PDB file of all heavy atoms in Angstrom:
ATOM      1  N   GLU A   1     -14.403-160.884  39.697  1.00  0.00           N
ATOM      2  CA  GLU A   1     -13.127-161.494  39.386  1.00  0.00           C
ATOM      3  C   GLU A   1     -13.095-162.993  39.621  1.00  0.00           C
ATOM      4  O   GLU A   1     -12.500-163.763  38.933  1.00  0.00           O
ATOM      5  CB  GLU A   1     -11.962-160.818  40.021  1.00  0.00           C
ATOM      6  CG  GLU A   1     -11.357-159.627  39.348  1.00  0.00           C
ATOM      7  CD  GLU A   1     -10.047-159.188  39.952  1.00  0.00           C
ATOM      8  OE1 GLU A   1      -9.913-159.400  41.181  1.00  0.00           O
ATOM      9  OE2 GLU A   1      -9.130-158.750  39.249  1.00  0.00           O
ATOM     10  N   ASP A   2     -13.702-163.349  40.765  1.00  0.00           N
ATOM     11  CA  ASP A   2     -13.746-164.783  41.180  1.00  0.00           C
ATOM     12  C   ASP A   2     -14.916-165.543  40.463  1.00  0.00           C
ATOM     13  O   ASP A   2     -15.204-166.688  40.867  1.00  0.00           O
ATOM     14  CB  ASP A   2     -13.891-164.889  42.695  1.00  0.00           C
ATOM     15  CG  ASP A   2     -12.703-164.269  43.361  1.00  0.00           C
ATOM     16  OD1 ASP A   2     -11.623-164.241  42.758  1.00  0.00           O
ATOM     17  OD2 ASP A   2     -12.781-163.880  44.532  1.00  0.00           O
ATOM     18  N   ASP A   3     -15.559-164.919  39.566  1.00  0.00           N
ATOM     19  CA  ASP A   3     -16.682-165.504  38.812  1.00  0.00           C
ATOM     20  C   ASP A   3     -17.833-165.989  39.702  1.00  0.00           C
ATOM     21  O   ASP A   3     -18.541-166.986  39.499  1.00  0.00           O
ATOM     22  CB  ASP A   3     -16.192-166.722  37.967  1.00  0.00           C
ATOM     23  CG  ASP A   3     -15.226-166.334  36.944  1.00  0.00           C
ATOM     24  OD1 ASP A   3     -15.386-165.230  36.397  1.00  0.00           O
ATOM     25  OD2 ASP A   3     -14.250-167.078  36.570  1.00  0.00           O
ATOM     26  N   GLU A   4     -18.096-165.287  40.791  1.00  0.00           N
ATOM     27  CA  GLU A   4     -19.217-165.596  41.687  1.00  0.00           C
ATOM     28  C   GLU A   4     -20.550-165.030  41.037  1.00  0.00           C
ATOM     29  O   GLU A   4     -20.538-163.932  40.513  1.00  0.00           O
ATOM     30  CB  GLU A   4     -18.969-164.890  43.041  1.00  0.00           C
ATOM     31  CG  GLU A   4     -17.843-165.463  43.864  1.00  0.00           C
ATOM     32  CD  GLU A   4     -17.824-164.967  45.261  1.00  0.00           C
ATOM     33  OE1 GLU A   4     -18.740-164.279  45.667  1.00  0.00           O
ATOM     34  OE2 GLU A   4     -16.731-165.048  45.901  1.00  0.00           O
ATOM     35  N   PRO A   5     -21.524-165.804  41.080  1.00  0.00           N
ATOM     36  CA  PRO A   5     -22.834-165.376  40.542  1.00  0.00           C
ATOM     37  C   PRO A   5     -23.318-164.147  41.232  1.00  0.00           C
ATOM     38  O   PRO A   5     -23.231-163.991  42.422  1.00  0.00           O
ATOM     39  CB  PRO A   5     -23.750-166.521  40.709  1.00  0.00           C
ATOM     40  CG  PRO A   5     -22.874-167.695  40.901  1.00  0.00           C
ATOM     41  CD  PRO A   5     -21.628-167.177  41.574  1.00  0.00           C
ATOM     42  N   ALA A   6     -23.865-163.194  40.412  1.00  0.00           N
ATOM     43  CA  ALA A   6     -24.330-161.884  40.980  1.00  0.00           C
ATOM     44  C   ALA A   6     -25.536-162.108  41.894  1.00  0.00           C
ATOM     45  O   ALA A   6     -25.831-161.271  42.707  1.00  0.00           O
ATOM     46  CB  ALA A   6     -24.580-160.900  39.907  1.00  0.00           C
ATOM     47  N   ASP A   7     -26.333-163.216  41.613  1.00  0.00           N
ATOM     48  CA  ASP A   7     -27.561-163.360  42.367  1.00  0.00           C
ATOM     49  C   ASP A   7     -27.383-164.217  43.585  1.00  0.00           C
ATOM     50  O   ASP A   7     -28.320-164.811  44.131  1.00  0.00           O
ATOM     51  CB  ASP A   7     -28.633-163.939  41.486  1.00  0.00           C
ATOM     52  CG  ASP A   7     -28.166-165.284  40.801  1.00  0.00           C
ATOM     53  OD1 ASP A   7     -26.978-165.597  40.967  1.00  0.00           O
ATOM     54  OD2 ASP A   7     -29.019-165.975  40.210  1.00  0.00           O
ATOM     55  N   THR A   8     -26.083-164.427  43.973  1.00  0.00           N
ATOM     56  CA  THR A   8     -25.724-165.313  45.155  1.00  0.00           C
ATOM     57  C   THR A   8     -25.165-164.460  46.267  1.00  0.00           C
ATOM     58  O   THR A   8     -24.217-163.648  45.999  1.00  0.00           O
ATOM     59  CB  THR A   8     -24.826-166.440  44.742  1.00  0.00           C
ATOM     60  OG1 THR A   8     -25.447-167.201  43.708  1.00  0.00           O
ATOM     61  CG2 THR A   8     -24.553-167.342  45.943  1.00  0.00           C
ATOM     62  N   LEU A   9     -25.673-164.561  47.472  1.00  0.00           N
ATOM     63  CA  LEU A   9     -25.197-163.905  48.579  1.00  0.00           C
ATOM     64  C   LEU A   9     -24.380-164.906  49.510  1.00  0.00           C
ATOM     65  O   LEU A   9     -24.796-166.093  49.620  1.00  0.00           O
ATOM     66  CB  LEU A   9     -26.281-163.331  49.484  1.00  0.00           C
ATOM     67  CG  LEU A   9     -27.218-162.284  48.763  1.00  0.00           C
ATOM     68  CD1 LEU A   9     -28.347-161.884  49.703  1.00  0.00           C
ATOM     69  CD2 LEU A   9     -26.411-161.090  48.346  1.00  0.00           C
ATOM     70  N   THR A  10     -23.227-164.457  50.077  1.00  0.00           N
ATOM     71  CA  THR A  10     -22.468-165.235  50.919  1.00  0.00           C
ATOM     72  C   THR A  10     -22.679-164.816  52.355  1.00  0.00           C
ATOM     73  O   THR A  10     -22.417-163.670  52.704  1.00  0.00           O
ATOM     74  CB  THR A  10     -21.038-165.175  50.584  1.00  0.00           C
ATOM     75  OG1 THR A  10     -20.812-165.661  49.276  1.00  0.00           O
ATOM     76  CG2 THR A  10     -20.181-166.035  51.592  1.00  0.00           C
ATOM     77  N   VAL A  11     -23.254-165.683  53.189  1.00  0.00           N
ATOM     78  CA  VAL A  11     -23.544-165.295  54.604  1.00  0.00           C
ATOM     79  C   VAL A  11     -22.518-166.111  55.504  1.00  0.00           C
ATOM     80  O   VAL A  11     -22.407-167.332  55.441  1.00  0.00           O
ATOM     81  CB  VAL A  11     -24.966-165.789  54.949  1.00  0.00           C
ATOM     82  CG1 VAL A  11     -25.215-165.469  56.421  1.00  0.00           C
ATOM     83  CG2 VAL A  11     -25.981-165.139  54.043  1.00  0.00           C
ATOM     84  N   GLY A  12     -21.775-165.264  56.263  1.00  0.00           N
ATOM     85  CA  GLY A  12     -20.760-165.918  57.091  1.00  0.00           C
ATOM     86  C   GLY A  12     -21.213-165.964  58.556  1.00  0.00           C
ATOM     87  O   GLY A  12     -21.674-164.909  59.127  1.00  0.00           O
ATOM     88  N   THR A  13     -21.093-167.101  59.214  1.00  0.00           N
ATOM     89  CA  THR A  13     -21.307-167.234  60.648  1.00  0.00           C
ATOM     90  C   THR A  13     -19.946-167.506  61.258  1.00  0.00           C
ATOM     91  O   THR A  13     -19.444-168.612  61.313  1.00  0.00           O
ATOM     92  CB  THR A  13     -22.254-168.343  60.931  1.00  0.00           C
ATOM     93  OG1 THR A  13     -23.465-168.176  60.171  1.00  0.00           O
ATOM     94  CG2 THR A  13     -22.567-168.407  62.403  1.00  0.00           C
ATOM     95  N   LEU A  14     -19.213-166.448  61.551  1.00  0.00           N
ATOM     96  CA  LEU A  14     -17.770-166.531  61.934  1.00  0.00           C
ATOM     97  C   LEU A  14     -17.512-166.033  63.380  1.00  0.00           C
ATOM     98  O   LEU A  14     -18.267-165.150  63.807  1.00  0.00           O
ATOM     99  CB  LEU A  14     -16.933-165.804  60.949  1.00  0.00           C
ATOM    100  CG  LEU A  14     -17.165-166.154  59.448  1.00  0.00           C
ATOM    101  CD1 LEU A  14     -16.504-165.097  58.559  1.00  0.00           C
ATOM    102  CD2 LEU A  14     -16.599-167.504  59.244  1.00  0.00           C
ATOM    103  N   THR A  15     -16.562-166.573  63.965  1.00  0.00           N
ATOM    104  CA  THR A  15     -16.103-166.139  65.269  1.00  0.00           C
ATOM    105  C   THR A  15     -14.591-165.823  65.240  1.00  0.00           C
ATOM    106  O   THR A  15     -13.870-166.374  64.365  1.00  0.00           O
ATOM    107  CB  THR A  15     -16.388-167.165  66.350  1.00  0.00           C
ATOM    108  OG1 THR A  15     -15.779-168.403  65.989  1.00  0.00           O
ATOM    109  CG2 THR A  15     -17.853-167.427  66.567  1.00  0.00           C
ATOM    110  N   TYR A  16     -14.139-164.994  66.137  1.00  0.00           N
ATOM    111  CA  TYR A  16     -12.744-164.611  66.244  1.00  0.00           C
ATOM    112  C   TYR A  16     -11.895-165.735  66.655  1.00  0.00           C
ATOM    113  O   TYR A  16     -12.207-166.349  67.691  1.00  0.00           O
ATOM    114  CB  TYR A  16     -12.641-163.421  67.170  1.00  0.00           C
ATOM    115  CG  TYR A  16     -11.175-162.912  67.368  1.00  0.00           C
ATOM    116  CD1 TYR A  16     -10.620-162.143  66.455  1.00  0.00           C
ATOM    117  CD2 TYR A  16     -10.546-163.247  68.565  1.00  0.00           C
ATOM    118  CE1 TYR A  16      -9.340-161.681  66.661  1.00  0.00           C
ATOM    119  CE2 TYR A  16      -9.237-162.787  68.771  1.00  0.00           C
ATOM    120  CZ  TYR A  16      -8.648-161.975  67.832  1.00  0.00           C
ATOM    121  OH  TYR A  16      -7.369-161.542  68.078  1.00  0.00           O
ATOM    122  N   LEU A  17     -10.820-166.006  65.929  1.00  0.00           N
ATOM    123  CA  LEU A  17      -9.915-167.036  66.257  1.00  0.00           C
ATOM    124  C   LEU A  17      -8.539-166.542  66.771  1.00  0.00           C
ATOM    125  O   LEU A  17      -7.989-167.067  67.686  1.00  0.00           O
ATOM    126  CB  LEU A  17      -9.594-168.000  65.037  1.00  0.00           C
ATOM    127  CG  LEU A  17      -8.778-169.133  65.190  1.00  0.00           C
ATOM    128  CD1 LEU A  17      -9.408-170.122  66.235  1.00  0.00           C
ATOM    129  CD2 LEU A  17      -8.546-169.899  63.908  1.00  0.00           C
ATOM    130  N   GLY A  18      -8.101-165.438  66.223  1.00  0.00           N
ATOM    131  CA  GLY A  18      -6.814-164.828  66.629  1.00  0.00           C
ATOM    132  C   GLY A  18      -6.384-163.737  65.698  1.00  0.00           C
ATOM    133  O   GLY A  18      -7.089-163.419  64.704  1.00  0.00           O
ATOM    134  N   ALA A  19      -5.286-163.104  65.971  1.00  0.00           N
ATOM    135  CA  ALA A  19      -4.755-162.046  65.112  1.00  0.00           C
ATOM    136  C   ALA A  19      -3.331-162.279  64.820  1.00  0.00           C
ATOM    137  O   ALA A  19      -2.580-162.822  65.699  1.00  0.00           O
ATOM    138  CB  ALA A  19      -4.946-160.662  65.773  1.00  0.00           C
ATOM    139  N   GLY A  20      -2.911-162.001  63.629  1.00  0.00           N
ATOM    140  CA  GLY A  20      -1.544-162.194  63.241  1.00  0.00           C
ATOM    141  C   GLY A  20      -1.357-163.468  62.426  1.00  0.00           C
ATOM    142  O   GLY A  20      -2.186-164.326  62.456  1.00  0.00           O
ATOM    143  N   TRP A  21      -0.230-163.498  61.678  1.00  0.00           N
ATOM    144  CA  TRP A  21       0.119-164.734  60.945  1.00  0.00           C
ATOM    145  C   TRP A  21       0.534-165.848  61.957  1.00  0.00           C
ATOM    146  O   TRP A  21       1.023-165.543  63.033  1.00  0.00           O
ATOM    147  CB  TRP A  21       1.266-164.446  59.964  1.00  0.00           C
ATOM    148  CG  TRP A  21       0.862-163.411  58.943  1.00  0.00           C
ATOM    149  CD1 TRP A  21       1.222-162.114  58.933  1.00  0.00           C
ATOM    150  CD2 TRP A  21       0.062-163.592  57.795  1.00  0.00           C
ATOM    151  NE1 TRP A  21       0.618-161.476  57.779  1.00  0.00           N
ATOM    152  CE2 TRP A  21      -0.016-162.394  57.083  1.00  0.00           C
ATOM    153  CE3 TRP A  21      -0.539-164.782  57.239  1.00  0.00           C
ATOM    154  CZ2 TRP A  21      -0.809-162.254  55.920  1.00  0.00           C
ATOM    155  CZ3 TRP A  21      -1.218-164.562  56.076  1.00  0.00           C
ATOM    156  CH2 TRP A  21      -1.383-163.399  55.384  1.00  0.00           C
ATOM    157  N   ARG A  22       0.401-167.086  61.519  1.00  0.00           N
ATOM    158  CA  ARG A  22       0.691-168.232  62.454  1.00  0.00           C
ATOM    159  C   ARG A  22       2.171-168.243  62.737  1.00  0.00           C
ATOM    160  O   ARG A  22       2.603-168.565  63.846  1.00  0.00           O
ATOM    161  CB  ARG A  22       0.207-169.469  61.820  1.00  0.00           C
ATOM    162  CG  ARG A  22      -1.290-169.514  61.709  1.00  0.00           C
ATOM    163  CD  ARG A  22      -1.836-170.897  61.156  1.00  0.00           C
ATOM    164  NE  ARG A  22      -1.518-171.918  62.134  1.00  0.00           N
ATOM    165  CZ  ARG A  22      -1.763-173.211  61.919  1.00  0.00           C
ATOM    166  NH1 ARG A  22      -2.251-173.507  60.677  1.00  0.00           N
ATOM    167  NH2 ARG A  22      -1.479-174.130  62.755  1.00  0.00           N
ATOM    168  N   THR A  23       3.040-167.950  61.700  1.00  0.00           N
ATOM    169  CA  THR A  23       4.399-168.001  61.892  1.00  0.00           C
ATOM    170  C   THR A  23       5.045-166.775  61.157  1.00  0.00           C
ATOM    171  O   THR A  23       4.431-166.192  60.276  1.00  0.00           O
ATOM    172  CB  THR A  23       5.086-169.268  61.365  1.00  0.00           C
ATOM    173  OG1 THR A  23       4.974-169.262  59.963  1.00  0.00           O
ATOM    174  CG2 THR A  23       4.506-170.483  61.976  1.00  0.00           C
ATOM    175  N   ASP A  24       6.306-166.448  61.578  1.00  0.00           N
ATOM    176  CA  ASP A  24       7.046-165.357  60.856  1.00  0.00           C
ATOM    177  C   ASP A  24       7.240-165.766  59.426  1.00  0.00           C
ATOM    178  O   ASP A  24       7.304-164.889  58.528  1.00  0.00           O
ATOM    179  CB  ASP A  24       8.325-164.953  61.589  1.00  0.00           C
ATOM    180  CG  ASP A  24       8.124-164.369  62.965  1.00  0.00           C
ATOM    181  OD1 ASP A  24       6.999-163.859  63.106  1.00  0.00           O
ATOM    182  OD2 ASP A  24       9.075-164.444  63.738  1.00  0.00           O
ATOM    183  N   GLY A  25       7.491-167.021  59.188  1.00  0.00           N
ATOM    184  CA  GLY A  25       7.670-167.496  57.759  1.00  0.00           C
ATOM    185  C   GLY A  25       6.468-167.282  56.915  1.00  0.00           C
ATOM    186  O   GLY A  25       6.581-166.858  55.749  1.00  0.00           O
ATOM    187  N   ASP A  26       5.321-167.459  57.501  1.00  0.00           N
ATOM    188  CA  ASP A  26       4.029-167.250  56.705  1.00  0.00           C
ATOM    189  C   ASP A  26       3.961-165.788  56.441  1.00  0.00           C
ATOM    190  O   ASP A  26       3.463-165.350  55.298  1.00  0.00           O
ATOM    191  CB  ASP A  26       2.764-167.703  57.590  1.00  0.00           C
ATOM    192  CG  ASP A  26       2.676-169.197  57.541  1.00  0.00           C
ATOM    193  OD1 ASP A  26       3.434-169.878  56.900  1.00  0.00           O
ATOM    194  OD2 ASP A  26       1.779-169.685  58.256  1.00  0.00           O
ATOM    195  N   ALA A  27       4.241-164.937  57.327  1.00  0.00           N
ATOM    196  CA  ALA A  27       4.161-163.490  57.141  1.00  0.00           C
ATOM    197  C   ALA A  27       5.127-163.028  56.039  1.00  0.00           C
ATOM    198  O   ALA A  27       4.773-162.218  55.144  1.00  0.00           O
ATOM    199  CB  ALA A  27       4.520-162.711  58.391  1.00  0.00           C
ATOM    200  N   LEU A  28       6.341-163.662  56.004  1.00  0.00           N
ATOM    201  CA  LEU A  28       7.297-163.288  54.968  1.00  0.00           C
ATOM    202  C   LEU A  28       6.770-163.675  53.588  1.00  0.00           C
ATOM    203  O   LEU A  28       6.780-162.852  52.658  1.00  0.00           O
ATOM    204  CB  LEU A  28       8.624-164.012  55.210  1.00  0.00           C
ATOM    205  CG  LEU A  28       9.601-163.995  54.092  1.00  0.00           C
ATOM    206  CD1 LEU A  28      10.166-162.569  53.955  1.00  0.00           C
ATOM    207  CD2 LEU A  28      10.768-164.913  54.435  1.00  0.00           C
ATOM    208  N   LEU A  29       6.213-164.893  53.464  1.00  0.00           N
ATOM    209  CA  LEU A  29       5.733-165.365  52.200  1.00  0.00           C
ATOM    210  C   LEU A  29       4.469-164.578  51.700  1.00  0.00           C
ATOM    211  O   LEU A  29       4.413-164.161  50.501  1.00  0.00           O
ATOM    212  CB  LEU A  29       5.399-166.806  52.282  1.00  0.00           C
ATOM    213  CG  LEU A  29       6.579-167.806  52.555  1.00  0.00           C
ATOM    214  CD1 LEU A  29       6.021-169.156  52.812  1.00  0.00           C
ATOM    215  CD2 LEU A  29       7.481-167.884  51.277  1.00  0.00           C
ATOM    216  N   ALA A  30       3.532-164.329  52.538  1.00  0.00           N
ATOM    217  CA  ALA A  30       2.291-163.680  52.191  1.00  0.00           C
ATOM    218  C   ALA A  30       2.611-162.194  51.786  1.00  0.00           C
ATOM    219  O   ALA A  30       2.077-161.669  50.820  1.00  0.00           O
ATOM    220  CB  ALA A  30       1.320-163.661  53.348  1.00  0.00           C
ATOM    221  N   ASN A  31       3.420-161.553  52.552  1.00  0.00           N
ATOM    222  CA  ASN A  31       3.758-160.158  52.302  1.00  0.00           C
ATOM    223  C   ASN A  31       4.603-159.956  51.002  1.00  0.00           C
ATOM    224  O   ASN A  31       4.402-159.030  50.241  1.00  0.00           O
ATOM    225  CB  ASN A  31       4.549-159.520  53.455  1.00  0.00           C
ATOM    226  CG  ASN A  31       3.685-159.453  54.720  1.00  0.00           C
ATOM    227  OD1 ASN A  31       2.372-159.570  54.668  1.00  0.00           O
ATOM    228  ND2 ASN A  31       4.289-159.218  55.853  1.00  0.00           N
ATOM    229  N   THR A  32       5.538-160.933  50.756  1.00  0.00           N
ATOM    230  CA  THR A  32       6.265-160.906  49.532  1.00  0.00           C
ATOM    231  C   THR A  32       5.422-161.112  48.349  1.00  0.00           C
ATOM    232  O   THR A  32       5.485-160.403  47.273  1.00  0.00           O
ATOM    233  CB  THR A  32       7.383-162.040  49.522  1.00  0.00           C
ATOM    234  OG1 THR A  32       8.179-161.834  50.661  1.00  0.00           O
ATOM    235  CG2 THR A  32       8.230-161.940  48.305  1.00  0.00           C
ATOM    236  N   ALA A  33       4.452-162.054  48.446  1.00  0.00           N
ATOM    237  CA  ALA A  33       3.504-162.256  47.294  1.00  0.00           C
ATOM    238  C   ALA A  33       2.644-161.027  47.060  1.00  0.00           C
ATOM    239  O   ALA A  33       2.369-160.693  45.900  1.00  0.00           O
ATOM    240  CB  ALA A  33       2.684-163.449  47.556  1.00  0.00           C
TER     241      ALA A  33
END
């Protein structure tokens, strides 16, 4: 759907930052959408 090439792999080097939305307003907007 995002038109990513099928022959391309995405490798993530990620660390945990936190859990939950940053604000209650962000949660409202994201959940409504």
